Amino acid sequence: QLQLAAPEDAVALASPLLTDPSSPVRAAALETLGASGHEHAIAPALESLRDDDPLVRTAAVEALARLDLRGYEGRLKEFAETRVSRAAKDRSLAAAIPANGEATGLLRDALMDRGRKHAITAVSVLALLSQDRVAIRTALDSLGSAEPRQLANALETIEVSAHRPLVRPLLGLWEPAPAGSDIFPRGAWLESALDDEDPFIRSCAQFAKAAREQGDDMAHTRTSLSSMERLLVLRKLPLFAELSPTDLHRLTSIAEERAYTDGEVIATEGEVGDESHIIVSGTVRVVRSDDGADVA
């Protein structure tokens, strides 16, 4: 209904919703601002580019794409430069982390994933200033492709169509992070990650630190798995291979660890299934009834 209001009224009513705790509400408010076409919608949409939630940042870019941005080119470029700097820092920090060990590998991947998100936001904003906006947006949608040629074509389109001096350093984020970079002094990568503003990156760093201190015995010091150890289990499974460390972290927050005694029934044929089971250790025997006799 907000979108049916006069443009100035839509802006006045939607702008306060940009601080709502619900990210879908913030995204919907940005959609209203974009639809208004009003100049006063530009400032709150620009501010929403800094939102921590990717859904909201995407909505902010889409809102800005519908507004007249003449006179705002400098602010957009400044924002993109900040995101480029953050993306480059994440890649440099990831490159400084040793490539050995599952825990350090998780930290490296988490940093590279965050760097890619910063890069995508930067390029999305730069696309607003480009005449090839549609081509860049299409290329951004292809960055998640597992097909090497499609990914290469997407990166080439971005480099040619966007602001080349800014985007060229970002393209390396879609290549394997080089290990053992000397950009950070020896051991400083861990201190930097432990002091990161992102709670998830800090958790990954603490997990990597514990792994370095306890070695291979870390996973055997408790009878149950920690959240990070569950994450390592999930990321080895083909079913979850395409998920980022952040997405897997969300999954572990709703996963439940259970222990079963020998011979205990986990599920019965015919009952409604609303769970998936992942066997971390032990074995499961599947038995069906055939003419009254159990057949394994």
C-alpha atoms as a PDB file:
ATOM      1  CA  GLN A   1       0.000   0.000   0.000  1.00  0.00           C
ATOM      2  CA  LEU A   2       2.938   2.348   0.556  1.00  0.00           C
ATOM      3  CA  GLN A   3       3.731   2.126  -3.134  1.00  0.00           C
ATOM      4  CA  LEU A   4       0.282   3.612  -3.874  1.00  0.00           C
ATOM      5  CA  ALA A   5       1.039   6.713  -1.807  1.00  0.00           C
ATOM      6  CA  ALA A   6       2.376   9.965  -3.223  1.00  0.00           C
ATOM      7  CA  PRO A   7       6.189   9.778  -3.714  1.00  0.00           C
ATOM      8  CA  GLU A   8       7.033  12.148  -0.860  1.00  0.00           C
ATOM      9  CA  ASP A   9       4.623  10.316   1.475  1.00  0.00           C
ATOM     10  CA  ALA A  10       6.082   6.921   0.502  1.00  0.00           C
ATOM     11  CA  VAL A  11       9.580   8.150   1.339  1.00  0.00           C
ATOM     12  CA  ALA A  12       8.460   9.582   4.673  1.00  0.00           C
ATOM     13  CA  LEU A  13       6.671   6.389   5.668  1.00  0.00           C
ATOM     14  CA  ALA A  14       9.245   3.877   4.354  1.00  0.00           C
ATOM     15  CA  SER A  15      12.447   5.510   5.604  1.00  0.00           C
ATOM     16  CA  PRO A  16      11.869   4.733   9.333  1.00  0.00           C
ATOM     17  CA  LEU A  17      11.407   1.059   8.417  1.00  0.00           C
ATOM     18  CA  LEU A  18      15.058   0.884   7.343  1.00  0.00           C
ATOM     19  CA  THR A  19      15.989   0.428  11.014  1.00  0.00           C
ATOM     20  CA  ASP A  20      13.501  -2.407  11.544  1.00  0.00           C
ATOM     21  CA  PRO A  21      15.135  -5.524  13.080  1.00  0.00           C
ATOM     22  CA  SER A  22      13.684  -7.701  10.290  1.00  0.00           C
ATOM     23  CA  SER A  23      15.794  -7.725   7.130  1.00  0.00           C
ATOM     24  CA  PRO A  24      12.794  -8.577   4.858  1.00  0.00           C
ATOM     25  CA  VAL A  25      11.019  -5.498   6.222  1.00  0.00           C
ATOM     26  CA  ARG A  26      14.072  -3.328   5.502  1.00  0.00           C
ATOM     27  CA  ALA A  27      14.298  -4.797   1.990  1.00  0.00           C
ATOM     28  CA  ALA A  28      10.594  -4.112   1.365  1.00  0.00           C
ATOM     29  CA  ALA A  29      11.048  -0.534   2.538  1.00  0.00           C
ATOM     30  CA  LEU A  30      13.863  -0.093   0.031  1.00  0.00           C
ATOM     31  CA  GLU A  31      11.650  -1.468  -2.724  1.00  0.00           C
ATOM     32  CA  THR A  32       9.122   1.230  -1.849  1.00  0.00           C
ATOM     33  CA  LEU A  33      11.822   3.912  -1.905  1.00  0.00           C
ATOM     34  CA  GLY A  34      12.986   2.800  -5.327  1.00  0.00           C
ATOM     35  CA  ALA A  35       9.440   2.750  -6.679  1.00  0.00           C
ATOM     36  CA  SER A  36       8.838   6.287  -5.414  1.00  0.00           C
ATOM     37  CA  GLY A  37      11.394   7.751  -7.811  1.00  0.00           C
ATOM     38  CA  HIS A  38      11.804  10.624  -5.374  1.00  0.00           C
ATOM     39  CA  GLU A  39      15.172  12.335  -4.897  1.00  0.00           C
ATOM     40  CA  HIS A  40      14.828  12.111  -1.117  1.00  0.00           C
ATOM     41  CA  ALA A  41      14.885   8.301  -1.431  1.00  0.00           C
ATOM     42  CA  ILE A  42      18.505   8.367  -2.602  1.00  0.00           C
ATOM     43  CA  ALA A  43      20.159   9.221   0.737  1.00  0.00           C
ATOM     44  CA  PRO A  44      18.483   6.451   2.798  1.00  0.00           C
ATOM     45  CA  ALA A  45      19.097   3.933  -0.006  1.00  0.00           C
ATOM     46  CA  LEU A  46      22.781   4.885  -0.079  1.00  0.00           C
ATOM     47  CA  GLU A  47      23.005   4.439   3.682  1.00  0.00           C
ATOM     48  CA  SER A  48      21.433   0.971   3.401  1.00  0.00           C
ATOM     49  CA  LEU A  49      24.369  -0.139   1.241  1.00  0.00           C
ATOM     50  CA  ARG A  50      26.231  -0.438   4.561  1.00  0.00           C
ATOM     51  CA  ASP A  51      23.689  -2.889   6.013  1.00  0.00           C
ATOM     52  CA  ASP A  52      25.201  -6.154   7.278  1.00  0.00           C
ATOM     53  CA  ASP A  53      22.499  -8.261   5.629  1.00  0.00           C
ATOM     54  CA  PRO A  54      23.131  -9.161   1.949  1.00  0.00           C
ATOM     55  CA  LEU A  55      19.373  -9.187   1.259  1.00  0.00           C
ATOM     56  CA  VAL A  56      19.155  -5.540   2.294  1.00  0.00           C
ATOM     57  CA  ARG A  57      22.274  -4.522   0.370  1.00  0.00           C
ATOM     58  CA  THR A  58      20.869  -6.117  -2.782  1.00  0.00           C
ATOM     59  CA  ALA A  59      17.569  -4.323  -2.258  1.00  0.00           C
ATOM     60  CA  ALA A  60      19.446  -1.038  -1.815  1.00  0.00           C
ATOM     61  CA  VAL A  61      21.262  -1.508  -5.136  1.00  0.00           C
ATOM     62  CA  GLU A  62      17.995  -2.340  -6.889  1.00  0.00           C
ATOM     63  CA  ALA A  63      16.320   0.719  -5.365  1.00  0.00           C
ATOM     64  CA  LEU A  64      19.159   2.986  -6.473  1.00  0.00           C
ATOM     65  CA  ALA A  65      18.965   1.552  -9.994  1.00  0.00           C
ATOM     66  CA  ARG A  66      15.452   3.023 -10.256  1.00  0.00           C
ATOM     67  CA  LEU A  67      16.460   6.495  -9.075  1.00  0.00           C
ATOM     68  CA  ASP A  68      18.123   9.431 -10.819  1.00  0.00           C
ATOM     69  CA  LEU A  69      21.681   9.331  -9.459  1.00  0.00           C
ATOM     70  CA  ARG A  70      23.069  12.366 -11.228  1.00  0.00           C
ATOM     71  CA  GLY A  71      25.187  14.282  -8.740  1.00  0.00           C
ATOM     72  CA  TYR A  72      25.727  11.225  -6.536  1.00  0.00           C
ATOM     73  CA  GLU A  73      28.487   9.610  -8.620  1.00  0.00           C
ATOM     74  CA  GLY A  74      31.197  10.610  -6.141  1.00  0.00           C
ATOM     75  CA  ARG A  75      29.441   9.050  -3.164  1.00  0.00           C
ATOM     76  CA  LEU A  76      28.798   5.828  -5.049  1.00  0.00           C
ATOM     77  CA  LYS A  77      32.417   5.558  -6.139  1.00  0.00           C
ATOM     78  CA  GLU A  78      33.624   6.310  -2.613  1.00  0.00           C
ATOM     79  CA  PHE A  79      31.429   3.536  -1.221  1.00  0.00           C
ATOM     80  CA  ALA A  80      32.692   1.095  -3.883  1.00  0.00           C
ATOM     81  CA  GLU A  81      36.306   1.987  -3.057  1.00  0.00           C
ATOM     82  CA  THR A  82      35.685   1.190   0.616  1.00  0.00           C
ATOM     83  CA  ARG A  83      34.266  -2.231  -0.269  1.00  0.00           C
ATOM     84  CA  VAL A  84      37.151  -2.913  -2.643  1.00  0.00           C
ATOM     85  CA  SER A  85      39.587  -2.123   0.171  1.00  0.00           C
ATOM     86  CA  ARG A  86      37.808  -4.503   2.548  1.00  0.00           C
ATOM     87  CA  ALA A  87      37.708  -7.237  -0.069  1.00  0.00           C
ATOM     88  CA  ALA A  88      41.434  -6.862  -0.745  1.00  0.00           C
ATOM     89  CA  LYS A  89      42.201  -7.017   2.971  1.00  0.00           C
ATOM     90  CA  ASP A  90      40.188 -10.227   3.367  1.00  0.00           C
ATOM     91  CA  ARG A  91      42.049 -11.835   0.474  1.00  0.00           C
ATOM     92  CA  SER A  92      45.421 -10.754   1.865  1.00  0.00           C
ATOM     93  CA  LEU A  93      44.580 -12.129   5.297  1.00  0.00           C
ATOM     94  CA  ALA A  94      43.343 -15.403   3.788  1.00  0.00           C
ATOM     95  CA  ALA A  95      46.558 -15.694   1.792  1.00  0.00           C
ATOM     96  CA  ALA A  96      48.615 -15.342   4.973  1.00  0.00           C
ATOM     97  CA  ILE A  97      46.951 -18.346   6.649  1.00  0.00           C
ATOM     98  CA  PRO A  98      48.783 -21.681   6.304  1.00  0.00           C
ATOM     99  CA  ALA A  99      47.051 -24.112   3.969  1.00  0.00           C
ATOM    100  CA  ASN A 100      47.407 -27.104   6.299  1.00  0.00           C
ATOM    101  CA  GLY A 101      44.606 -28.227   8.576  1.00  0.00           C
ATOM    102  CA  GLU A 102      40.828 -28.270   8.386  1.00  0.00           C
ATOM    103  CA  ALA A 103      40.355 -25.499  10.950  1.00  0.00           C
ATOM    104  CA  THR A 104      42.697 -23.062   9.221  1.00  0.00           C
ATOM    105  CA  GLY A 105      41.121 -24.040   5.904  1.00  0.00           C
ATOM    106  CA  LEU A 106      37.724 -23.076   7.286  1.00  0.00           C
ATOM    107  CA  LEU A 107      39.046 -19.680   8.371  1.00  0.00           C
ATOM    108  CA  ARG A 108      40.617 -19.100   4.947  1.00  0.00           C
ATOM    109  CA  ASP A 109      37.368 -19.983   3.162  1.00  0.00           C
ATOM    110  CA  ALA A 110      35.299 -17.792   5.486  1.00  0.00           C
ATOM    111  CA  LEU A 111      37.531 -14.800   4.755  1.00  0.00           C
ATOM    112  CA  MET A 112      37.494 -15.439   1.003  1.00  0.00           C
ATOM    113  CA  ASP A 113      33.702 -15.753   1.068  1.00  0.00           C
ATOM    114  CA  ARG A 114      33.344 -12.436   2.899  1.00  0.00           C
ATOM    115  CA  GLY A 115      35.798 -10.827   0.500  1.00  0.00           C
ATOM    116  CA  ARG A 116      33.709 -12.006  -2.465  1.00  0.00           C
ATOM    117  CA  LYS A 117      30.581 -10.511  -0.899  1.00  0.00           C
ATOM    118  CA  HIS A 118      32.368  -7.170  -0.472  1.00  0.00           C
ATOM    119  CA  ALA A 119      33.512  -7.417  -4.097  1.00  0.00           C
ATOM    120  CA  ILE A 120      30.034  -8.197  -5.415  1.00  0.00           C
ATOM    121  CA  THR A 121      28.612  -5.218  -3.509  1.00  0.00           C
ATOM    122  CA  ALA A 122      31.342  -2.948  -4.900  1.00  0.00           C
ATOM    123  CA  VAL A 123      30.792  -4.083  -8.487  1.00  0.00           C
ATOM    124  CA  SER A 124      27.002  -3.810  -8.104  1.00  0.00           C
ATOM    125  CA  VAL A 125      27.418  -0.186  -7.045  1.00  0.00           C
ATOM    126  CA  LEU A 126      29.878   0.541  -9.861  1.00  0.00           C
ATOM    127  CA  ALA A 127      27.388  -0.968 -12.300  1.00  0.00           C
ATOM    128  CA  LEU A 128      25.023   1.875 -11.408  1.00  0.00           C
ATOM    129  CA  LEU A 129      27.559   4.233 -13.001  1.00  0.00           C
ATOM    130  CA  SER A 130      28.136   2.102 -16.090  1.00  0.00           C
ATOM    131  CA  GLN A 131      26.376   2.069 -19.440  1.00  0.00           C
ATOM    132  CA  ASP A 132      26.749  -1.725 -19.412  1.00  0.00           C
ATOM    133  CA  ARG A 133      24.676  -2.116 -16.243  1.00  0.00           C
ATOM    134  CA  VAL A 134      22.661  -5.084 -17.532  1.00  0.00           C
ATOM    135  CA  ALA A 135      25.753  -6.978 -18.715  1.00  0.00           C
ATOM    136  CA  ILE A 136      27.466  -6.479 -15.361  1.00  0.00           C
ATOM    137  CA  ARG A 137      24.434  -7.638 -13.394  1.00  0.00           C
ATOM    138  CA  THR A 138      24.190 -10.744 -15.585  1.00  0.00           C
ATOM    139  CA  ALA A 139      27.889 -11.428 -15.012  1.00  0.00           C
ATOM    140  CA  LEU A 140      27.458 -11.036 -11.245  1.00  0.00           C
ATOM    141  CA  ASP A 141      24.708 -13.660 -11.313  1.00  0.00           C
ATOM    142  CA  SER A 142      27.187 -16.059 -12.973  1.00  0.00           C
ATOM    143  CA  LEU A 143      29.944 -15.683 -10.385  1.00  0.00           C
ATOM    144  CA  GLY A 144      28.605 -18.619  -8.393  1.00  0.00           C
ATOM    145  CA  SER A 145      28.914 -20.963 -11.353  1.00  0.00           C
ATOM    146  CA  ALA A 146      31.005 -24.088 -10.895  1.00  0.00           C
ATOM    147  CA  GLU A 147      31.613 -24.198 -14.657  1.00  0.00           C
ATOM    148  CA  PRO A 148      35.095 -22.683 -15.246  1.00  0.00           C
ATOM    149  CA  ARG A 149      34.324 -21.200 -18.675  1.00  0.00           C
ATOM    150  CA  GLN A 150      31.151 -19.490 -17.488  1.00  0.00           C
ATOM    151  CA  LEU A 151      32.991 -18.084 -14.476  1.00  0.00           C
ATOM    152  CA  ALA A 152      35.857 -16.861 -16.687  1.00  0.00           C
ATOM    153  CA  ASN A 153      33.419 -15.140 -19.053  1.00  0.00           C
ATOM    154  CA  ALA A 154      31.687 -13.447 -16.121  1.00  0.00           C
ATOM    155  CA  LEU A 155      34.973 -12.131 -14.724  1.00  0.00           C
ATOM    156  CA  GLU A 156      36.016 -10.862 -18.148  1.00  0.00           C
ATOM    157  CA  THR A 157      32.709  -9.016 -18.589  1.00  0.00           C
ATOM    158  CA  ILE A 158      33.096  -7.358 -15.186  1.00  0.00           C
ATOM    159  CA  GLU A 159      36.676  -6.302 -15.882  1.00  0.00           C
ATOM    160  CA  VAL A 160      35.808  -4.804 -19.278  1.00  0.00           C
ATOM    161  CA  SER A 161      32.483  -3.185 -18.381  1.00  0.00           C
ATOM    162  CA  ALA A 162      33.002  -1.899 -14.846  1.00  0.00           C
ATOM    163  CA  HIS A 163      35.540   0.587 -13.507  1.00  0.00           C
ATOM    164  CA  ARG A 164      38.640  -1.381 -14.500  1.00  0.00           C
ATOM    165  CA  PRO A 165      41.248   0.098 -12.086  1.00  0.00           C
ATOM    166  CA  LEU A 166      38.978  -0.660  -9.156  1.00  0.00           C
ATOM    167  CA  VAL A 167      37.642  -4.074 -10.110  1.00  0.00           C
ATOM    168  CA  ARG A 168      40.828  -5.690 -11.433  1.00  0.00           C
ATOM    169  CA  PRO A 169      42.227  -6.461  -7.922  1.00  0.00           C
ATOM    170  CA  LEU A 170      38.898  -8.100  -7.032  1.00  0.00           C
ATOM    171  CA  LEU A 171      39.022 -10.737  -9.738  1.00  0.00           C
ATOM    172  CA  GLY A 172      41.589 -12.765  -7.792  1.00  0.00           C
ATOM    173  CA  LEU A 173      38.939 -13.481  -5.172  1.00  0.00           C
ATOM    174  CA  TRP A 174      37.503 -16.085  -7.538  1.00  0.00           C
ATOM    175  CA  GLU A 175      40.866 -17.836  -7.784  1.00  0.00           C
ATOM    176  CA  PRO A 176      42.346 -20.129  -5.113  1.00  0.00           C
ATOM    177  CA  ALA A 177      43.861 -18.021  -2.347  1.00  0.00           C
ATOM    178  CA  PRO A 178      47.664 -18.273  -2.432  1.00  0.00           C
ATOM    179  CA  ALA A 179      49.020 -19.728   0.786  1.00  0.00           C
ATOM    180  CA  GLY A 180      51.822 -18.387   2.918  1.00  0.00           C
ATOM    181  CA  SER A 181      51.687 -14.727   1.889  1.00  0.00           C
ATOM    182  CA  ASP A 182      54.247 -12.520   3.631  1.00  0.00           C
ATOM    183  CA  ILE A 183      51.922  -9.484   3.690  1.00  0.00           C
ATOM    184  CA  PHE A 184      51.269 -10.154   7.377  1.00  0.00           C
ATOM    185  CA  PRO A 185      54.192 -10.716   9.763  1.00  0.00           C
ATOM    186  CA  ARG A 186      54.675 -14.289  10.933  1.00  0.00           C
ATOM    187  CA  GLY A 187      51.732 -15.324  13.108  1.00  0.00           C
ATOM    188  CA  ALA A 188      50.005 -11.937  12.794  1.00  0.00           C
ATOM    189  CA  TRP A 189      47.220 -13.454  10.686  1.00  0.00           C
ATOM    190  CA  LEU A 190      45.806 -15.198  13.750  1.00  0.00           C
ATOM    191  CA  GLU A 191      45.888 -12.058  15.884  1.00  0.00           C
ATOM    192  CA  SER A 192      44.154 -10.118  13.128  1.00  0.00           C
ATOM    193  CA  ALA A 193      41.429 -12.751  12.688  1.00  0.00           C
ATOM    194  CA  LEU A 194      40.883 -13.051  16.458  1.00  0.00           C
ATOM    195  CA  ASP A 195      40.311  -9.298  16.573  1.00  0.00           C
ATOM    196  CA  ASP A 196      37.943  -9.213  13.579  1.00  0.00           C
ATOM    197  CA  GLU A 197      34.656  -7.291  13.819  1.00  0.00           C
ATOM    198  CA  ASP A 198      32.682 -10.291  12.538  1.00  0.00           C
ATOM    199  CA  PRO A 199      31.726 -12.761  15.328  1.00  0.00           C
ATOM    200  CA  PHE A 200      31.794 -15.684  12.880  1.00  0.00           C
ATOM    201  CA  ILE A 201      35.320 -14.868  11.690  1.00  0.00           C
ATOM    202  CA  ARG A 202      36.422 -14.593  15.323  1.00  0.00           C
ATOM    203  CA  SER A 203      34.854 -18.000  16.063  1.00  0.00           C
ATOM    204  CA  CYS A 204      36.710 -19.525  13.108  1.00  0.00           C
ATOM    205  CA  ALA A 205      39.948 -17.954  14.339  1.00  0.00           C
ATOM    206  CA  GLN A 206      39.433 -19.279  17.882  1.00  0.00           C
ATOM    207  CA  PHE A 207      38.745 -22.721  16.429  1.00  0.00           C
ATOM    208  CA  ALA A 208      41.936 -22.513  14.342  1.00  0.00           C
ATOM    209  CA  LYS A 209      43.908 -21.424  17.397  1.00  0.00           C
ATOM    210  CA  ALA A 210      42.585 -24.355  19.429  1.00  0.00           C
ATOM    211  CA  ALA A 211      43.451 -26.748  16.594  1.00  0.00           C
ATOM    212  CA  ARG A 212      47.019 -25.422  16.451  1.00  0.00           C
ATOM    213  CA  GLU A 213      47.384 -25.816  20.215  1.00  0.00           C
ATOM    214  CA  GLN A 214      45.749 -29.244  20.572  1.00  0.00           C
ATOM    215  CA  GLY A 215      46.613 -30.797  17.224  1.00  0.00           C
ATOM    216  CA  ASP A 216      44.773 -33.904  16.025  1.00  0.00           C
ATOM    217  CA  ASP A 217      43.453 -34.665  19.507  1.00  0.00           C
ATOM    218  CA  MET A 218      41.131 -31.647  19.486  1.00  0.00           C
ATOM    219  CA  ALA A 219      38.080 -33.497  18.168  1.00  0.00           C
ATOM    220  CA  HIS A 220      38.457 -36.274  20.735  1.00  0.00           C
ATOM    221  CA  THR A 221      38.545 -34.185  23.906  1.00  0.00           C
ATOM    222  CA  ARG A 222      34.736 -34.198  24.258  1.00  0.00           C
ATOM    223  CA  THR A 223      31.991 -36.729  23.807  1.00  0.00           C
ATOM    224  CA  SER A 224      29.987 -34.249  21.709  1.00  0.00           C
ATOM    225  CA  LEU A 225      30.983 -31.985  18.841  1.00  0.00           C
ATOM    226  CA  SER A 226      31.227 -28.228  19.059  1.00  0.00           C
ATOM    227  CA  SER A 227      29.391 -26.028  16.574  1.00  0.00           C
ATOM    228  CA  MET A 228      32.598 -25.577  14.555  1.00  0.00           C
ATOM    229  CA  GLU A 229      33.309 -29.309  14.539  1.00  0.00           C
ATOM    230  CA  ARG A 230      29.788 -29.961  13.268  1.00  0.00           C
ATOM    231  CA  LEU A 231      30.447 -27.392  10.558  1.00  0.00           C
ATOM    232  CA  LEU A 232      33.562 -29.311   9.466  1.00  0.00           C
ATOM    233  CA  VAL A 233      31.492 -32.497   9.245  1.00  0.00           C
ATOM    234  CA  LEU A 234      28.845 -30.834   7.083  1.00  0.00           C
ATOM    235  CA  ARG A 235      31.278 -29.209   4.680  1.00  0.00           C
ATOM    236  CA  LYS A 236      32.729 -32.606   3.766  1.00  0.00           C
ATOM    237  CA  LEU A 237      29.361 -33.840   2.497  1.00  0.00           C
ATOM    238  CA  PRO A 238      28.533 -33.488  -1.227  1.00  0.00           C
ATOM    239  CA  LEU A 239      24.996 -32.389  -0.300  1.00  0.00           C
ATOM    240  CA  PHE A 240      26.362 -29.192   1.253  1.00  0.00           C
ATOM    241  CA  ALA A 241      29.416 -28.696  -0.958  1.00  0.00           C
ATOM    242  CA  GLU A 242      28.054 -25.518  -2.576  1.00  0.00           C
ATOM    243  CA  LEU A 243      27.231 -23.787   0.711  1.00  0.00           C
ATOM    244  CA  SER A 244      29.508 -21.059   2.042  1.00  0.00           C
ATOM    245  CA  PRO A 245      30.991 -21.292   5.560  1.00  0.00           C
ATOM    246  CA  THR A 246      28.479 -18.657   6.702  1.00  0.00           C
ATOM    247  CA  ASP A 247      25.547 -20.649   5.340  1.00  0.00           C
ATOM    248  CA  LEU A 248      26.869 -23.825   6.954  1.00  0.00           C
ATOM    249  CA  HIS A 249      27.190 -21.955  10.240  1.00  0.00           C
ATOM    250  CA  ARG A 250      23.492 -21.102  10.068  1.00  0.00           C
ATOM    251  CA  LEU A 251      22.751 -24.758   9.380  1.00  0.00           C
ATOM    252  CA  THR A 252      24.734 -25.937  12.401  1.00  0.00           C
ATOM    253  CA  SER A 253      22.754 -23.549  14.595  1.00  0.00           C
ATOM    254  CA  ILE A 254      19.601 -25.587  13.953  1.00  0.00           C
ATOM    255  CA  ALA A 255      21.262 -29.009  13.768  1.00  0.00           C
ATOM    256  CA  GLU A 256      20.949 -31.304  16.780  1.00  0.00           C
ATOM    257  CA  GLU A 257      23.502 -33.900  17.825  1.00  0.00           C
ATOM    258  CA  ARG A 258      22.136 -37.189  19.121  1.00  0.00           C
ATOM    259  CA  ALA A 259      23.637 -40.399  20.462  1.00  0.00           C
ATOM    260  CA  TYR A 260      21.854 -43.750  20.073  1.00  0.00           C
ATOM    261  CA  THR A 261      22.364 -46.974  21.965  1.00  0.00           C
ATOM    262  CA  ASP A 262      23.033 -50.244  20.151  1.00  0.00           C
ATOM    263  CA  GLY A 263      19.803 -51.569  18.661  1.00  0.00           C
ATOM    264  CA  GLU A 264      17.791 -48.381  19.206  1.00  0.00           C
ATOM    265  CA  VAL A 265      15.302 -47.563  16.429  1.00  0.00           C
ATOM    266  CA  ILE A 266      15.967 -44.238  14.688  1.00  0.00           C
ATOM    267  CA  ALA A 267      13.011 -44.253  12.301  1.00  0.00           C
ATOM    268  CA  THR A 268      10.251 -46.598  11.263  1.00  0.00           C
ATOM    269  CA  GLU A 269       8.997 -47.254   7.731  1.00  0.00           C
ATOM    270  CA  GLY A 270       5.747 -45.476   6.975  1.00  0.00           C
ATOM    271  CA  GLU A 271       6.027 -42.684   9.519  1.00  0.00           C
ATOM    272  CA  VAL A 272       6.105 -39.053   8.357  1.00  0.00           C
ATOM    273  CA  GLY A 273       9.701 -37.965   7.847  1.00  0.00           C
ATOM    274  CA  ASP A 274      10.676 -34.462   8.936  1.00  0.00           C
ATOM    275  CA  GLU A 275      14.355 -35.012   9.708  1.00  0.00           C
ATOM    276  CA  SER A 276      17.621 -35.824   7.949  1.00  0.00           C
ATOM    277  CA  HIS A 277      20.252 -37.914   9.720  1.00  0.00           C
ATOM    278  CA  ILE A 278      24.001 -37.645   9.175  1.00  0.00           C
ATOM    279  CA  ILE A 279      26.081 -40.455  10.649  1.00  0.00           C
ATOM    280  CA  VAL A 280      29.208 -38.999  12.234  1.00  0.00           C
ATOM    281  CA  SER A 281      30.400 -42.241  13.799  1.00  0.00           C
ATOM    282  CA  GLY A 282      29.063 -45.770  14.061  1.00  0.00           C
ATOM    283  CA  THR A 283      26.828 -47.691  11.662  1.00  0.00           C
ATOM    284  CA  VAL A 284      23.115 -47.880  10.919  1.00  0.00           C
ATOM    285  CA  ARG A 285      21.273 -51.045   9.891  1.00  0.00           C
ATOM    286  CA  VAL A 286      18.234 -50.746   7.616  1.00  0.00           C
ATOM    287  CA  VAL A 287      15.684 -53.532   8.110  1.00  0.00           C
ATOM    288  CA  ARG A 288      12.396 -54.128   6.305  1.00  0.00           C
ATOM    289  CA  SER A 289       9.656 -56.643   6.999  1.00  0.00           C
ATOM    290  CA  ASP A 290       9.085 -59.255   4.295  1.00  0.00           C
ATOM    291  CA  ASP A 291       6.211 -61.693   4.965  1.00  0.00           C
ATOM    292  CA  GLY A 292       6.702 -61.267   8.698  1.00  0.00           C
ATOM    293  CA  ALA A 293      10.452 -61.798   8.568  1.00  0.00           C
ATOM    294  CA  ASP A 294      12.994 -59.017   9.048  1.00  0.00           C
ATOM    295  CA  VAL A 295      15.337 -58.591   6.078  1.00  0.00           C
ATOM    296  CA  ALA A 296      18.426 -56.413   6.414  1.00  0.00           C
END
